[in-house]
C-alpha atoms as a PDB file:
ATOM      1  CA  MET A   1      32.656 -24.088 -49.526  1.00  0.00           C
ATOM      2  CA  PHE A   2      30.333 -26.602 -47.848  1.00  0.00           C
ATOM      3  CA  LYS A   3      32.166 -26.217 -44.525  1.00  0.00           C
ATOM      4  CA  LEU A   4      31.840 -22.458 -44.732  1.00  0.00           C
ATOM      5  CA  LEU A   5      28.069 -22.679 -45.324  1.00  0.00           C
ATOM      6  CA  ARG A   6      27.715 -25.143 -42.472  1.00  0.00           C
ATOM      7  CA  LEU A   7      29.684 -22.852 -40.146  1.00  0.00           C
ATOM      8  CA  LEU A   8      27.525 -19.897 -41.199  1.00  0.00           C
ATOM      9  CA  ALA A   9      24.345 -21.919 -40.509  1.00  0.00           C
ATOM     10  CA  ILE A  10      25.604 -22.803 -37.015  1.00  0.00           C
ATOM     11  CA  VAL A  11      26.460 -19.172 -36.230  1.00  0.00           C
ATOM     12  CA  LEU A  12      23.027 -18.015 -37.424  1.00  0.00           C
ATOM     13  CA  ALA A  13      21.295 -20.698 -35.353  1.00  0.00           C
ATOM     14  CA  LEU A  14      23.210 -19.661 -32.225  1.00  0.00           C
ATOM     15  CA  THR A  15      22.458 -15.988 -32.848  1.00  0.00           C
ATOM     16  CA  ALA A  16      18.744 -16.718 -33.270  1.00  0.00           C
ATOM     17  CA  THR A  17      18.737 -18.737 -30.029  1.00  0.00           C
ATOM     18  CA  VAL A  18      20.398 -15.907 -28.103  1.00  0.00           C
ATOM     19  CA  GLN A  19      17.955 -13.340 -29.515  1.00  0.00           C
ATOM     20  CA  LEU A  20      14.979 -15.583 -28.708  1.00  0.00           C
ATOM     21  CA  THR A  21      16.187 -16.104 -25.138  1.00  0.00           C
ATOM     22  CA  SER A  22      16.718 -12.388 -24.559  1.00  0.00           C
ATOM     23  CA  ALA A  23      13.292 -11.628 -26.057  1.00  0.00           C
ATOM     24  CA  ARG A  24      11.662 -14.074 -23.636  1.00  0.00           C
ATOM     25  CA  SER A  25      13.404 -12.604 -20.610  1.00  0.00           C
ATOM     26  CA  THR A  26      12.375  -9.099 -21.677  1.00  0.00           C
ATOM     27  CA  TYR A  27       8.795 -10.279 -22.004  1.00  0.00           C
ATOM     28  CA  ARG A  28       8.827 -11.726 -18.512  1.00  0.00           C
ATOM     29  CA  ARG A  29      10.201  -8.536 -17.031  1.00  0.00           C
ATOM     30  CA  SER A  30       7.604  -6.416 -18.796  1.00  0.00           C
ATOM     31  CA  ALA A  31       4.780  -8.687 -17.607  1.00  0.00           C
ATOM     32  CA  VAL A  32       5.527  -7.997 -13.935  1.00  0.00           C
ATOM     33  CA  ARG A  33       2.868  -5.744 -12.454  1.00  0.00           C
ATOM     34  CA  VAL A  34       3.910  -2.888 -10.260  1.00  0.00           C
ATOM     35  CA  HIS A  35       1.692  -2.299  -7.240  1.00  0.00           C
ATOM     36  CA  ARG A  36       1.178   1.356  -6.628  1.00  0.00           C
ATOM     37  CA  VAL A  37       0.630   2.563  -3.142  1.00  0.00           C
ATOM     38  CA  ALA A  38      -2.263   4.910  -2.586  1.00  0.00           C
ATOM     39  CA  PRO A  39      -1.184   8.347  -1.464  1.00  0.00           C
ATOM     40  CA  THR A  40      -1.103   8.651   2.278  1.00  0.00           C
ATOM     41  CA  HIS A  41      -3.179  11.260   3.982  1.00  0.00           C
ATOM     42  CA  THR A  42      -1.392  13.201   6.672  1.00  0.00           C
ATOM     43  CA  ARG A  43      -2.821  12.974  10.139  1.00  0.00           C
ATOM     44  CA  SER A  44      -2.349  15.753  12.615  1.00  0.00           C
ATOM     45  CA  SER A  45      -0.950  14.542  15.932  1.00  0.00           C
ATOM     46  CA  SER A  46      -2.094  17.761  17.579  1.00  0.00           C
ATOM     47  CA  ALA A  47      -5.698  17.179  16.410  1.00  0.00           C
ATOM     48  CA  ARG A  48      -5.576  13.650  17.845  1.00  0.00           C
ATOM     49  CA  SER A  49      -4.230  14.807  21.196  1.00  0.00           C
ATOM     50  CA  THR A  50      -6.832  17.614  21.344  1.00  0.00           C
ATOM     51  CA  PHE A  51      -9.546  15.003  20.692  1.00  0.00           C
ATOM     52  CA  GLN A  52      -8.163  12.701  23.385  1.00  0.00           C
ATOM     53  CA  ARG A  53      -8.000  15.526  25.937  1.00  0.00           C
ATOM     54  CA  SER A  54     -11.649  16.418  25.283  1.00  0.00           C
ATOM     55  CA  GLN A  55     -12.849  12.790  24.980  1.00  0.00           C
ATOM     56  CA  PRO A  56     -10.963  10.539  27.440  1.00  0.00           C
ATOM     57  CA  CYS A  57     -10.343   6.877  26.658  1.00  0.00           C
ATOM     58  CA  PRO A  58     -13.572   4.868  27.157  1.00  0.00           C
ATOM     59  CA  SER A  59     -11.810   1.930  28.820  1.00  0.00           C
ATOM     60  CA  SER A  60      -9.338   3.710  31.122  1.00  0.00           C
ATOM     61  CA  GLY A  61     -10.460   7.336  31.266  1.00  0.00           C
ATOM     62  CA  ARG A  62      -6.947   8.547  30.379  1.00  0.00           C
ATOM     63  CA  THR A  63      -6.573  11.803  28.503  1.00  0.00           C
ATOM     64  CA  SER A  64      -3.192  10.941  26.968  1.00  0.00           C
ATOM     65  CA  GLY A  65      -1.249   7.912  25.818  1.00  0.00           C
ATOM     66  CA  ALA A  66      -2.539   4.584  24.577  1.00  0.00           C
ATOM     67  CA  CYS A  67      -6.135   3.460  25.024  1.00  0.00           C
ATOM     68  CA  GLY A  68      -6.391  -0.309  25.446  1.00  0.00           C
ATOM     69  CA  GLY A  69      -8.786  -1.939  22.995  1.00  0.00           C
ATOM     70  CA  HIS A  70      -9.739   1.320  21.249  1.00  0.00           C
ATOM     71  CA  VAL A  71      -8.456   3.464  18.394  1.00  0.00           C
ATOM     72  CA  VAL A  72      -9.215   6.987  17.238  1.00  0.00           C
ATOM     73  CA  ASP A  73     -11.316   6.810  14.081  1.00  0.00           C
ATOM     74  CA  HIS A  74     -12.312   9.475  11.590  1.00  0.00           C
ATOM     75  CA  VAL A  75     -16.097   9.489  11.175  1.00  0.00           C
ATOM     76  CA  ILE A  76     -15.740  10.648   7.560  1.00  0.00           C
ATOM     77  CA  PRO A  77     -12.512   9.054   6.301  1.00  0.00           C
ATOM     78  CA  LEU A  78      -9.702  11.345   5.196  1.00  0.00           C
ATOM     79  CA  LYS A  79      -9.601   9.624   1.807  1.00  0.00           C
ATOM     80  CA  ARG A  80     -13.280  10.546   1.337  1.00  0.00           C
ATOM     81  CA  GLY A  81     -12.657  14.218   2.101  1.00  0.00           C
ATOM     82  CA  GLY A  82     -13.177  14.167   5.855  1.00  0.00           C
ATOM     83  CA  ALA A  83     -11.415  16.776   7.954  1.00  0.00           C
ATOM     84  CA  ASP A  84      -8.570  15.898  10.304  1.00  0.00           C
ATOM     85  CA  THR A  85     -10.166  17.745  13.205  1.00  0.00           C
ATOM     86  CA  PRO A  86     -11.355  16.564  16.637  1.00  0.00           C
ATOM     87  CA  SER A  87     -14.986  17.104  15.560  1.00  0.00           C
ATOM     88  CA  ASN A  88     -14.531  14.371  12.908  1.00  0.00           C
ATOM     89  CA  MET A  89     -12.990  11.849  15.347  1.00  0.00           C
ATOM     90  CA  GLN A  90     -14.501   9.156  17.540  1.00  0.00           C
ATOM     91  CA  TRP A  91     -13.356   6.283  19.752  1.00  0.00           C
ATOM     92  CA  GLN A  92     -13.867   2.900  18.159  1.00  0.00           C
ATOM     93  CA  THR A  93     -13.071  -0.624  19.292  1.00  0.00           C
ATOM     94  CA  ILE A  94     -10.307  -2.361  17.379  1.00  0.00           C
ATOM     95  CA  GLU A  95     -12.730  -5.013  16.056  1.00  0.00           C
ATOM     96  CA  ALA A  96     -15.180  -2.374  14.810  1.00  0.00           C
ATOM     97  CA  ALA A  97     -12.317  -0.431  13.207  1.00  0.00           C
ATOM     98  CA  LYS A  98     -11.144  -3.513  11.307  1.00  0.00           C
ATOM     99  CA  ALA A  99     -14.688  -4.180  10.077  1.00  0.00           C
ATOM    100  CA  LYS A 100     -15.065  -0.562   8.973  1.00  0.00           C
ATOM    101  CA  ASP A 101     -11.703  -0.662   7.164  1.00  0.00           C
ATOM    102  CA  ARG A 102     -12.823  -3.739   5.212  1.00  0.00           C
ATOM    103  CA  MET A 103     -15.977  -1.908   4.098  1.00  0.00           C
ATOM    104  CA  GLU A 104     -14.127   1.254   3.069  1.00  0.00           C
END
């Protein structure tokens, strides 16, 4: 009888340890934060090319292709309700664009 009680106590102790371990691992998994990505705003490539044709690159004067040291910037950001039209676009240096992005 004593051996049976001792065996039962050992089985219960092992079961409690397994349940405690699985509870801890579940807690850790539930504590992980999921980073959600902000919805992307679609940019019209035709609006950008129309802007570039009407406003050539400030550094090279090209009306198509890359513009060294400059990027096309939306005056009123798309995420703030700005339109994706050439009238809402401007040339901006890369350094100024990075500074503006930090402020927005």
